[in-house]
Each structure stands twice: as structure tokens, then as C-alpha cells.
Amino acid sequence: MAQRISLDEFIPLQEQGAVVVDVREANEYVEGHVPGATFAPMSRIALHLADIPRDEDVYVICRSGNRSQAMADLMAGQGIRAISVDDGTMGWINRGLPVHTGQEP
């Protein structure tokens, strides 16, 4: 099972340029995502696994933390140092933190 991290622990890591993978679907991602988060939807995660780094921690985020935990577990099984972010993007938004909209990270 992949590790989990609280949103409080994740925030400074994201600010320092951590690798973030958003596993929500396209309509969710374009509406608002953590700045710098790479889009790799759960429904097509297999297409993105080869592009995810294996030599550093990868923070996996979704809406609330459920899908990210499932995908972090899958990634960990593929040799990726995946860590699921508790509370997800909704927690991020509810704290008033900045989000990017559209397709670009």
C-alpha cells in the first residue's frame, strides 16, 4: 500500500516544486487543479505510467483522496514512489489556495 500525506504536509512540498499527478477525469481537471499538477486520469492511467518518474516522490491527488489512494497503490506496484494526498483538490480549494484552470498544468 502506498503512503498517504496530509494536505498540511503536502502544501510546502508543492510550493517547492514536487511532482504532482492529478488522476481526476478531464472535466474535473480543467475546472481547477493544483498548480503544476500533471493530468493522468484514472480511466487511462496505464497510458501515463511510463511518463511518471521513478527516482523521486510523486504526489497523487484527486478530488478527496479516494481515487488517489487507489492509483498511488497501483503506481507503487509499478515501482513509482507514489504518495496519496489526503483531502485532495477539494481540500486545497476549501483552504483558499490557488488553482489553475484549463488543460495546462
C-alpha atoms as a PDB file:
ATOM      1  CA  MET A   1       0.000   0.000   0.000  1.00  0.00           C
ATOM      2  CA  ALA A   2       1.256   3.463  -0.929  1.00  0.00           C
ATOM      3  CA  GLN A   3       1.924   6.105   1.688  1.00  0.00           C
ATOM      4  CA  ARG A   4      -0.501   8.922   2.454  1.00  0.00           C
ATOM      5  CA  ILE A   5       0.282  12.526   3.272  1.00  0.00           C
ATOM      6  CA  SER A   6      -1.877  15.188   4.864  1.00  0.00           C
ATOM      7  CA  LEU A   7      -2.716  18.307   2.932  1.00  0.00           C
ATOM      8  CA  ASP A   8      -0.795  20.341   5.530  1.00  0.00           C
ATOM      9  CA  GLU A   9       2.340  18.290   4.818  1.00  0.00           C
ATOM     10  CA  PHE A  10       1.788  18.443   1.049  1.00  0.00           C
ATOM     11  CA  ILE A  11       1.372  22.222   0.683  1.00  0.00           C
ATOM     12  CA  PRO A  12       5.028  23.193   1.297  1.00  0.00           C
ATOM     13  CA  LEU A  13       6.228  20.326  -0.903  1.00  0.00           C
ATOM     14  CA  GLN A  14       4.030  21.521  -3.771  1.00  0.00           C
ATOM     15  CA  GLU A  15       5.344  25.049  -3.288  1.00  0.00           C
ATOM     16  CA  GLN A  16       8.888  23.659  -3.629  1.00  0.00           C
ATOM     17  CA  GLY A  17       8.080  22.031  -6.989  1.00  0.00           C
ATOM     18  CA  ALA A  18       7.116  18.480  -6.039  1.00  0.00           C
ATOM     19  CA  VAL A  19       5.906  16.155  -8.800  1.00  0.00           C
ATOM     20  CA  VAL A  20       2.089  16.104  -8.630  1.00  0.00           C
ATOM     21  CA  VAL A  21      -0.154  13.801 -10.667  1.00  0.00           C
ATOM     22  CA  ASP A  22      -3.894  14.557 -10.815  1.00  0.00           C
ATOM     23  CA  VAL A  23      -5.887  11.378 -11.517  1.00  0.00           C
ATOM     24  CA  ARG A  24      -9.307  13.006 -11.880  1.00  0.00           C
ATOM     25  CA  GLU A  25     -11.121  12.991 -15.205  1.00  0.00           C
ATOM     26  CA  ALA A  26     -10.707  15.736 -17.816  1.00  0.00           C
ATOM     27  CA  ASN A  27     -13.811  17.733 -16.905  1.00  0.00           C
ATOM     28  CA  GLU A  28     -12.686  17.885 -13.267  1.00  0.00           C
ATOM     29  CA  TYR A  29      -9.090  18.781 -14.114  1.00  0.00           C
ATOM     30  CA  VAL A  30      -9.951  21.701 -16.420  1.00  0.00           C
ATOM     31  CA  GLU A  31     -12.347  23.179 -13.851  1.00  0.00           C
ATOM     32  CA  GLY A  32      -9.480  23.614 -11.406  1.00  0.00           C
ATOM     33  CA  HIS A  33      -6.332  21.790 -10.329  1.00  0.00           C
ATOM     34  CA  VAL A  34      -3.322  22.254  -8.087  1.00  0.00           C
ATOM     35  CA  PRO A  35      -0.760  24.388  -9.958  1.00  0.00           C
ATOM     36  CA  GLY A  36       1.815  22.201 -11.660  1.00  0.00           C
ATOM     37  CA  ALA A  37      -0.254  19.013 -11.433  1.00  0.00           C
ATOM     38  CA  THR A  38       0.135  16.718 -14.432  1.00  0.00           C
ATOM     39  CA  PHE A  39      -3.095  15.292 -15.857  1.00  0.00           C
ATOM     40  CA  ALA A  40      -3.178  11.467 -15.816  1.00  0.00           C
ATOM     41  CA  PRO A  41      -6.815  10.362 -15.462  1.00  0.00           C
ATOM     42  CA  MET A  42      -7.617   7.201 -13.551  1.00  0.00           C
ATOM     43  CA  SER A  43      -9.589   5.843 -16.515  1.00  0.00           C
ATOM     44  CA  ARG A  44      -6.430   5.951 -18.680  1.00  0.00           C
ATOM     45  CA  ILE A  45      -3.677   5.680 -16.090  1.00  0.00           C
ATOM     46  CA  ALA A  46      -1.951   2.816 -17.921  1.00  0.00           C
ATOM     47  CA  LEU A  47      -1.164   5.211 -20.783  1.00  0.00           C
ATOM     48  CA  HIS A  48       0.689   7.550 -18.406  1.00  0.00           C
ATOM     49  CA  LEU A  49       2.671   5.175 -16.180  1.00  0.00           C
ATOM     50  CA  ALA A  50       5.788   5.213 -18.370  1.00  0.00           C
ATOM     51  CA  ASP A  51       5.975   9.025 -18.114  1.00  0.00           C
ATOM     52  CA  ILE A  52       5.851   9.162 -14.312  1.00  0.00           C
ATOM     53  CA  PRO A  53       9.288   9.473 -12.664  1.00  0.00           C
ATOM     54  CA  ARG A  54      10.572   6.611 -10.575  1.00  0.00           C
ATOM     55  CA  ASP A  55      13.523   8.378  -8.995  1.00  0.00           C
ATOM     56  CA  GLU A  56      11.612  10.842  -6.798  1.00  0.00           C
ATOM     57  CA  ASP A  57       8.436  11.066  -4.741  1.00  0.00           C
ATOM     58  CA  VAL A  58       5.252  11.516  -6.772  1.00  0.00           C
ATOM     59  CA  TYR A  59       2.230  13.064  -5.055  1.00  0.00           C
ATOM     60  CA  VAL A  60      -1.058  11.693  -6.379  1.00  0.00           C
ATOM     61  CA  ILE A  61      -4.151  13.844  -5.979  1.00  0.00           C
ATOM     62  CA  CYS A  62      -7.835  13.543  -6.867  1.00  0.00           C
ATOM     63  CA  ARG A  63     -10.969  15.241  -5.572  1.00  0.00           C
ATOM     64  CA  SER A  64     -10.936  13.937  -1.987  1.00  0.00           C
ATOM     65  CA  GLY A  65      -8.268  11.253  -1.592  1.00  0.00           C
ATOM     66  CA  ASN A  66     -10.039   8.014  -2.535  1.00  0.00           C
ATOM     67  CA  ARG A  67      -9.074   7.675  -6.199  1.00  0.00           C
ATOM     68  CA  SER A  68      -5.605   8.995  -5.453  1.00  0.00           C
ATOM     69  CA  GLN A  69      -5.030   6.245  -2.886  1.00  0.00           C
ATOM     70  CA  ALA A  70      -6.114   3.555  -5.359  1.00  0.00           C
ATOM     71  CA  MET A  71      -3.883   4.992  -8.086  1.00  0.00           C
ATOM     72  CA  ALA A  72      -0.954   5.531  -5.703  1.00  0.00           C
ATOM     73  CA  ASP A  73      -1.240   1.856  -4.722  1.00  0.00           C
ATOM     74  CA  LEU A  74      -1.203   0.868  -8.403  1.00  0.00           C
ATOM     75  CA  MET A  75       1.784   3.128  -9.103  1.00  0.00           C
ATOM     76  CA  ALA A  76       3.679   1.788  -6.092  1.00  0.00           C
ATOM     77  CA  GLY A  77       3.242  -1.684  -7.559  1.00  0.00           C
ATOM     78  CA  GLN A  78       4.963  -0.373 -10.712  1.00  0.00           C
ATOM     79  CA  GLY A  79       7.996   0.907  -8.817  1.00  0.00           C
ATOM     80  CA  ILE A  80       6.830   4.518  -8.523  1.00  0.00           C
ATOM     81  CA  ARG A  81       7.356   6.269  -5.177  1.00  0.00           C
ATOM     82  CA  ALA A  82       3.709   7.352  -5.091  1.00  0.00           C
ATOM     83  CA  ILE A  83       2.144   9.139  -2.127  1.00  0.00           C
ATOM     84  CA  SER A  84      -1.595   9.866  -1.924  1.00  0.00           C
ATOM     85  CA  VAL A  85      -2.654  13.363  -0.842  1.00  0.00           C
ATOM     86  CA  ASP A  86      -5.447  13.273   1.759  1.00  0.00           C
ATOM     87  CA  ASP A  87      -8.393  15.663   1.248  1.00  0.00           C
ATOM     88  CA  GLY A  88      -7.405  16.159  -2.399  1.00  0.00           C
ATOM     89  CA  THR A  89      -8.231  19.101  -4.596  1.00  0.00           C
ATOM     90  CA  MET A  90     -11.400  19.935  -2.665  1.00  0.00           C
ATOM     91  CA  GLY A  91      -9.347  20.354   0.494  1.00  0.00           C
ATOM     92  CA  TRP A  92      -6.924  22.534  -1.463  1.00  0.00           C
ATOM     93  CA  ILE A  93      -9.749  24.729  -2.791  1.00  0.00           C
ATOM     94  CA  ASN A  94     -11.509  24.897   0.590  1.00  0.00           C
ATOM     95  CA  ARG A  95      -8.320  26.366   2.082  1.00  0.00           C
ATOM     96  CA  GLY A  96      -8.400  29.159  -0.483  1.00  0.00           C
ATOM     97  CA  LEU A  97      -5.210  28.012  -2.187  1.00  0.00           C
ATOM     98  CA  PRO A  98      -4.649  28.937  -5.849  1.00  0.00           C
ATOM     99  CA  VAL A  99      -5.849  26.692  -8.650  1.00  0.00           C
ATOM    100  CA  HIS A 100      -5.174  26.622 -12.360  1.00  0.00           C
ATOM    101  CA  THR A 101      -7.967  26.078 -14.850  1.00  0.00           C
ATOM    102  CA  GLY A 102      -7.762  24.668 -18.343  1.00  0.00           C
ATOM    103  CA  GLN A 103      -5.563  21.939 -19.753  1.00  0.00           C
ATOM    104  CA  GLU A 104      -2.130  23.265 -18.815  1.00  0.00           C
ATOM    105  CA  PRO A 105      -0.516  22.198 -15.518  1.00  0.00           C
END
